[in-house]
Amino acid sequence: MTITDETIDYVGILAKLELSPEEKEQAKKDMSDMLDYVSKLNELNTDGVEAMSHTFPYNNVFREDVVVNGDDRENMLKNAPEQKDGCYKVPKTFD
């Protein structure tokens, strides 16, 4: 794949970089080298290789979601400045 001046200008805009003409030429060479290196991966025989999302075994490390305090509505409403029908009463925010 050939990297053009337009590609470098576009990447510069995305990265918010101001590149001198020499830096643009170096960036073109570097990007081209990177793409050539990555394209070598297409040469690998991946038949029979299972797709994976991680390089190591991934297990859910979160704890089970267990309710420990239950429904304690009475105590929660004790601190409410106003309540109505077992709920917090708040001022209107719009008409």
Protein backbone atom coordinates (compact mmCIF):
# COMPACT_ATOMS: atom_id res chain seq x y z
CA MET A 1 0.00 0.00 0.00
CA THR A 2 1.32 3.43 -0.92
CA ILE A 3 1.05 6.27 1.54
CA THR A 4 0.23 9.56 -0.18
CA ASP A 5 0.71 13.17 0.88
CA GLU A 6 -3.06 13.40 1.32
CA THR A 7 -2.98 10.49 3.76
CA ILE A 8 -0.23 12.14 5.80
CA ASP A 9 -2.11 15.46 5.79
CA TYR A 10 -5.29 13.71 6.93
CA VAL A 11 -3.51 11.83 9.72
CA GLY A 12 -1.85 15.10 10.74
CA ILE A 13 -5.26 16.75 11.02
CA LEU A 14 -6.64 13.86 13.07
CA ALA A 15 -3.61 13.87 15.37
CA LYS A 16 -3.51 17.69 15.47
CA LEU A 17 0.07 17.73 14.25
CA GLU A 18 1.83 20.36 12.22
CA LEU A 19 4.51 18.58 10.23
CA SER A 20 7.29 20.16 8.26
CA PRO A 21 7.91 18.84 4.71
CA GLU A 22 10.84 16.76 6.00
CA GLU A 23 8.71 15.31 8.80
CA LYS A 24 5.96 14.46 6.31
CA GLU A 25 8.43 12.54 4.15
CA GLN A 26 9.74 10.67 7.19
CA ALA A 27 6.17 9.93 8.33
CA LYS A 28 5.32 8.56 4.87
CA LYS A 29 8.34 6.27 4.99
CA ASP A 30 7.60 5.14 8.54
CA MET A 31 3.92 4.45 7.82
CA SER A 32 4.79 2.56 4.67
CA ASP A 33 7.33 0.45 6.58
CA MET A 34 4.74 -0.31 9.27
CA LEU A 35 2.12 -1.37 6.73
CA ASP A 36 4.65 -3.56 4.90
CA TYR A 37 5.54 -5.24 8.18
CA VAL A 38 1.90 -5.83 9.11
CA SER A 39 1.13 -7.17 5.62
CA LYS A 40 3.55 -10.02 6.33
CA LEU A 41 0.91 -11.41 8.68
CA ASN A 42 -1.15 -12.28 5.60
CA GLU A 43 1.54 -14.80 4.69
CA LEU A 44 0.86 -16.88 7.81
CA ASN A 45 -1.17 -20.06 7.49
CA THR A 46 -3.99 -19.67 10.02
CA ASP A 47 -6.06 -22.68 8.94
CA GLY A 48 -7.36 -24.48 12.00
CA VAL A 49 -6.41 -21.68 14.39
CA GLU A 50 -9.30 -20.69 16.64
CA ALA A 51 -10.08 -16.97 16.78
CA MET A 52 -9.53 -15.39 20.17
CA SER A 53 -10.12 -12.01 21.76
CA HIS A 54 -7.36 -12.28 24.39
CA THR A 55 -3.94 -13.84 24.47
CA PHE A 56 -4.58 -15.31 27.91
CA PRO A 57 -7.58 -17.10 29.47
CA TYR A 58 -10.21 -14.56 30.39
CA ASN A 59 -12.59 -15.29 33.25
CA ASN A 60 -15.16 -13.05 34.87
CA VAL A 61 -13.53 -11.82 38.06
CA PHE A 62 -16.56 -9.98 39.42
CA ARG A 63 -18.44 -11.16 42.47
CA GLU A 64 -22.06 -12.22 42.35
CA ASP A 65 -24.51 -9.36 42.81
CA VAL A 66 -26.17 -10.20 46.13
CA VAL A 67 -28.61 -7.86 47.90
CA VAL A 68 -27.54 -7.53 51.51
CA ASN A 69 -29.67 -4.70 52.92
CA GLY A 70 -33.01 -5.50 51.30
CA ASP A 71 -35.95 -3.11 51.20
CA ASP A 72 -35.47 -0.73 54.14
CA ARG A 73 -37.81 1.97 52.87
CA GLU A 74 -38.85 3.10 56.36
CA ASN A 75 -35.31 3.98 57.46
CA MET A 76 -34.43 5.60 54.13
CA LEU A 77 -37.46 7.87 54.26
CA LYS A 78 -36.66 8.99 57.83
CA ASN A 79 -34.01 11.36 56.42
CA ALA A 80 -36.21 12.75 53.64
CA PRO A 81 -37.16 16.41 54.11
CA GLU A 82 -40.56 15.61 52.55
CA GLN A 83 -42.28 12.39 51.58
CA LYS A 84 -45.54 11.41 49.95
CA ASP A 85 -47.04 7.93 49.52
CA GLY A 86 -43.84 6.22 50.69
CA CYS A 87 -41.61 8.11 48.23
CA TYR A 88 -39.33 11.12 48.31
CA LYS A 89 -41.12 14.36 47.45
CA VAL A 90 -39.01 16.80 45.44
CA PRO A 91 -39.73 20.25 44.04
CA LYS A 92 -40.92 20.54 40.44
CA THR A 93 -38.13 21.20 37.97
CA PHE A 94 -40.38 22.46 35.16
CA ASP A 95 -44.07 23.23 34.59
